[in-house]
Amino acid sequence: MTRGNQREQDRLRAAKKAPAKKPKESATNLAKRKEADAEALRAKQKKKEEEKAAAGSSGK
């Protein structure tokens, strides 16, 4: 088991090179972001439906 220490040293070196992990989002920030994303999707869907209705009525 002569490589045991070498493996540990390699792990430490790799950990130093790796970028630091981002801190996790708090529950309130996560909820706010999810709500904002949902609102953006709702607006996008509404716009798409309006365009479809406009295209449908002008095509007839």
N, C-alpha and C. Protein backbone atom coordinates (compact mmCIF):
# COMPACT_ATOMS: atom_id res chain seq x y z
N MET A 1 0.84 -1.18 0.00
CA MET A 1 0.00 0.00 0.00
C MET A 1 0.88 1.24 0.00
N THR A 2 1.85 1.24 -0.86
CA THR A 2 2.79 2.36 -0.90
C THR A 2 2.19 3.59 -1.55
N ARG A 3 1.12 3.43 -2.36
CA ARG A 3 0.54 4.59 -3.04
C ARG A 3 -0.52 5.30 -2.22
N GLY A 4 -0.83 4.82 -1.05
CA GLY A 4 -1.89 5.42 -0.24
C GLY A 4 -1.68 6.90 0.01
N ASN A 5 -0.50 7.27 0.42
CA ASN A 5 -0.20 8.66 0.71
C ASN A 5 -0.19 9.49 -0.57
N GLN A 6 0.33 8.92 -1.66
CA GLN A 6 0.38 9.63 -2.92
C GLN A 6 -1.04 9.95 -3.42
N ARG A 7 -1.94 9.00 -3.28
CA ARG A 7 -3.33 9.25 -3.68
C ARG A 7 -3.94 10.38 -2.87
N GLU A 8 -3.68 10.36 -1.58
CA GLU A 8 -4.22 11.42 -0.72
C GLU A 8 -3.66 12.78 -1.12
N GLN A 9 -2.37 12.83 -1.41
CA GLN A 9 -1.75 14.09 -1.83
C GLN A 9 -2.34 14.56 -3.16
N ASP A 10 -2.58 13.62 -4.09
CA ASP A 10 -3.20 13.98 -5.37
C ASP A 10 -4.60 14.53 -5.16
N ARG A 11 -5.35 13.95 -4.25
CA ARG A 11 -6.70 14.44 -3.95
C ARG A 11 -6.65 15.87 -3.41
N LEU A 12 -5.71 16.13 -2.54
CA LEU A 12 -5.57 17.47 -1.98
C LEU A 12 -5.20 18.48 -3.06
N ARG A 13 -4.28 18.10 -3.96
CA ARG A 13 -3.89 18.99 -5.05
C ARG A 13 -5.07 19.27 -5.98
N ALA A 14 -5.84 18.24 -6.27
CA ALA A 14 -6.99 18.40 -7.16
C ALA A 14 -8.04 19.29 -6.50
N ALA A 15 -8.21 19.16 -5.20
CA ALA A 15 -9.19 19.99 -4.50
C ALA A 15 -8.78 21.46 -4.53
N LYS A 16 -7.50 21.73 -4.47
CA LYS A 16 -7.03 23.12 -4.54
C LYS A 16 -7.25 23.71 -5.93
N LYS A 17 -7.07 22.89 -6.98
CA LYS A 17 -7.23 23.37 -8.34
C LYS A 17 -8.69 23.57 -8.71
N ALA A 18 -9.55 22.76 -8.13
CA ALA A 18 -10.98 22.82 -8.48
C ALA A 18 -11.58 24.14 -8.01
N PRO A 19 -12.48 24.69 -8.80
CA PRO A 19 -13.12 25.94 -8.38
C PRO A 19 -13.98 25.72 -7.14
N ALA A 20 -14.10 26.75 -6.36
CA ALA A 20 -14.89 26.66 -5.14
C ALA A 20 -16.35 26.48 -5.50
N LYS A 21 -17.06 25.66 -4.74
CA LYS A 21 -18.47 25.44 -4.99
C LYS A 21 -19.27 26.65 -4.55
N LYS A 22 -20.35 26.92 -5.29
CA LYS A 22 -21.23 28.03 -4.93
C LYS A 22 -22.03 27.66 -3.69
N PRO A 23 -22.29 28.63 -2.86
CA PRO A 23 -23.16 28.32 -1.71
C PRO A 23 -24.57 28.05 -2.19
N LYS A 24 -25.25 27.18 -1.49
CA LYS A 24 -26.62 26.84 -1.89
C LYS A 24 -27.53 28.02 -1.66
N GLU A 25 -28.58 28.08 -2.49
CA GLU A 25 -29.56 29.16 -2.37
C GLU A 25 -30.41 28.94 -1.13
N SER A 26 -30.76 30.03 -0.49
CA SER A 26 -31.65 29.91 0.65
C SER A 26 -33.05 29.58 0.16
N ALA A 27 -33.89 29.10 1.03
CA ALA A 27 -35.24 28.68 0.65
C ALA A 27 -36.05 29.87 0.12
N THR A 28 -35.88 31.04 0.73
CA THR A 28 -36.65 32.20 0.28
C THR A 28 -36.20 32.66 -1.10
N ASN A 29 -34.89 32.68 -1.33
CA ASN A 29 -34.39 33.08 -2.65
C ASN A 29 -34.81 32.07 -3.71
N LEU A 30 -34.79 30.80 -3.35
CA LEU A 30 -35.19 29.77 -4.29
C LEU A 30 -36.66 29.91 -4.64
N ALA A 31 -37.49 30.16 -3.64
CA ALA A 31 -38.93 30.33 -3.89
C ALA A 31 -39.20 31.55 -4.76
N LYS A 32 -38.49 32.65 -4.50
CA LYS A 32 -38.66 33.87 -5.30
C LYS A 32 -38.25 33.63 -6.74
N ARG A 33 -37.14 32.93 -6.94
CA ARG A 33 -36.67 32.66 -8.29
C ARG A 33 -37.63 31.74 -9.03
N LYS A 34 -38.15 30.73 -8.34
CA LYS A 34 -39.11 29.83 -8.97
C LYS A 34 -40.38 30.58 -9.37
N GLU A 35 -40.85 31.47 -8.51
CA GLU A 35 -42.05 32.24 -8.83
C GLU A 35 -41.80 33.17 -10.02
N ALA A 36 -40.64 33.80 -10.06
CA ALA A 36 -40.31 34.69 -11.17
C ALA A 36 -40.21 33.89 -12.48
N ASP A 37 -39.62 32.71 -12.43
CA ASP A 37 -39.53 31.87 -13.61
C ASP A 37 -40.92 31.44 -14.08
N ALA A 38 -41.77 31.08 -13.13
CA ALA A 38 -43.12 30.65 -13.48
C ALA A 38 -43.90 31.80 -14.11
N GLU A 39 -43.75 32.99 -13.58
CA GLU A 39 -44.44 34.16 -14.13
C GLU A 39 -43.95 34.44 -15.55
N ALA A 40 -42.67 34.30 -15.79
CA ALA A 40 -42.13 34.52 -17.12
C ALA A 40 -42.70 33.49 -18.10
N LEU A 41 -42.81 32.25 -17.67
CA LEU A 41 -43.38 31.22 -18.54
C LEU A 41 -44.86 31.49 -18.83
N ARG A 42 -45.59 31.93 -17.81
CA ARG A 42 -47.01 32.26 -18.02
C ARG A 42 -47.17 33.37 -19.05
N ALA A 43 -46.33 34.39 -18.93
CA ALA A 43 -46.39 35.51 -19.88
C ALA A 43 -46.05 35.04 -21.29
N LYS A 44 -45.08 34.17 -21.39
CA LYS A 44 -44.68 33.65 -22.70
C LYS A 44 -45.81 32.82 -23.32
N GLN A 45 -46.46 32.00 -22.50
CA GLN A 45 -47.58 31.19 -22.99
C GLN A 45 -48.75 32.06 -23.43
N LYS A 46 -49.02 33.10 -22.66
CA LYS A 46 -50.12 34.01 -22.99
C LYS A 46 -49.86 34.69 -24.32
N LYS A 47 -48.63 35.15 -24.52
CA LYS A 47 -48.26 35.81 -25.76
C LYS A 47 -48.41 34.85 -26.93
N LYS A 48 -47.99 33.61 -26.73
CA LYS A 48 -48.07 32.61 -27.79
C LYS A 48 -49.53 32.32 -28.15
N GLU A 49 -50.40 32.23 -27.13
CA GLU A 49 -51.82 32.00 -27.38
C GLU A 49 -52.46 33.17 -28.12
N GLU A 50 -52.08 34.39 -27.76
CA GLU A 50 -52.60 35.58 -28.43
C GLU A 50 -52.17 35.60 -29.90
N GLU A 51 -50.92 35.24 -30.16
CA GLU A 51 -50.43 35.20 -31.54
C GLU A 51 -51.19 34.13 -32.33
N LYS A 52 -51.44 33.00 -31.70
CA LYS A 52 -52.15 31.92 -32.36
C LYS A 52 -53.58 32.34 -32.67
N ALA A 53 -54.22 33.03 -31.73
CA ALA A 53 -55.59 33.49 -31.94
C ALA A 53 -55.64 34.54 -33.04
N ALA A 54 -54.66 35.43 -33.06
CA ALA A 54 -54.62 36.47 -34.09
C ALA A 54 -54.39 35.85 -35.47
N ALA A 55 -53.53 34.85 -35.54
CA ALA A 55 -53.25 34.19 -36.81
C ALA A 55 -54.47 33.39 -37.26
N GLY A 56 -55.16 32.79 -36.32
CA GLY A 56 -56.35 32.00 -36.65
C GLY A 56 -57.49 32.85 -37.15
N SER A 57 -57.69 34.01 -36.56
CA SER A 57 -58.80 34.87 -36.97
C SER A 57 -58.51 35.59 -38.29
N SER A 58 -57.25 35.91 -38.55
CA SER A 58 -56.92 36.61 -39.79
C SER A 58 -56.84 35.64 -40.97
N GLY A 59 -56.64 34.37 -40.68
CA GLY A 59 -56.53 33.38 -41.75
C GLY A 59 -57.86 32.95 -42.31
N LYS A 60 -58.96 33.20 -41.61
CA LYS A 60 -60.27 32.72 -42.06
C LYS A 60 -60.96 33.70 -42.94
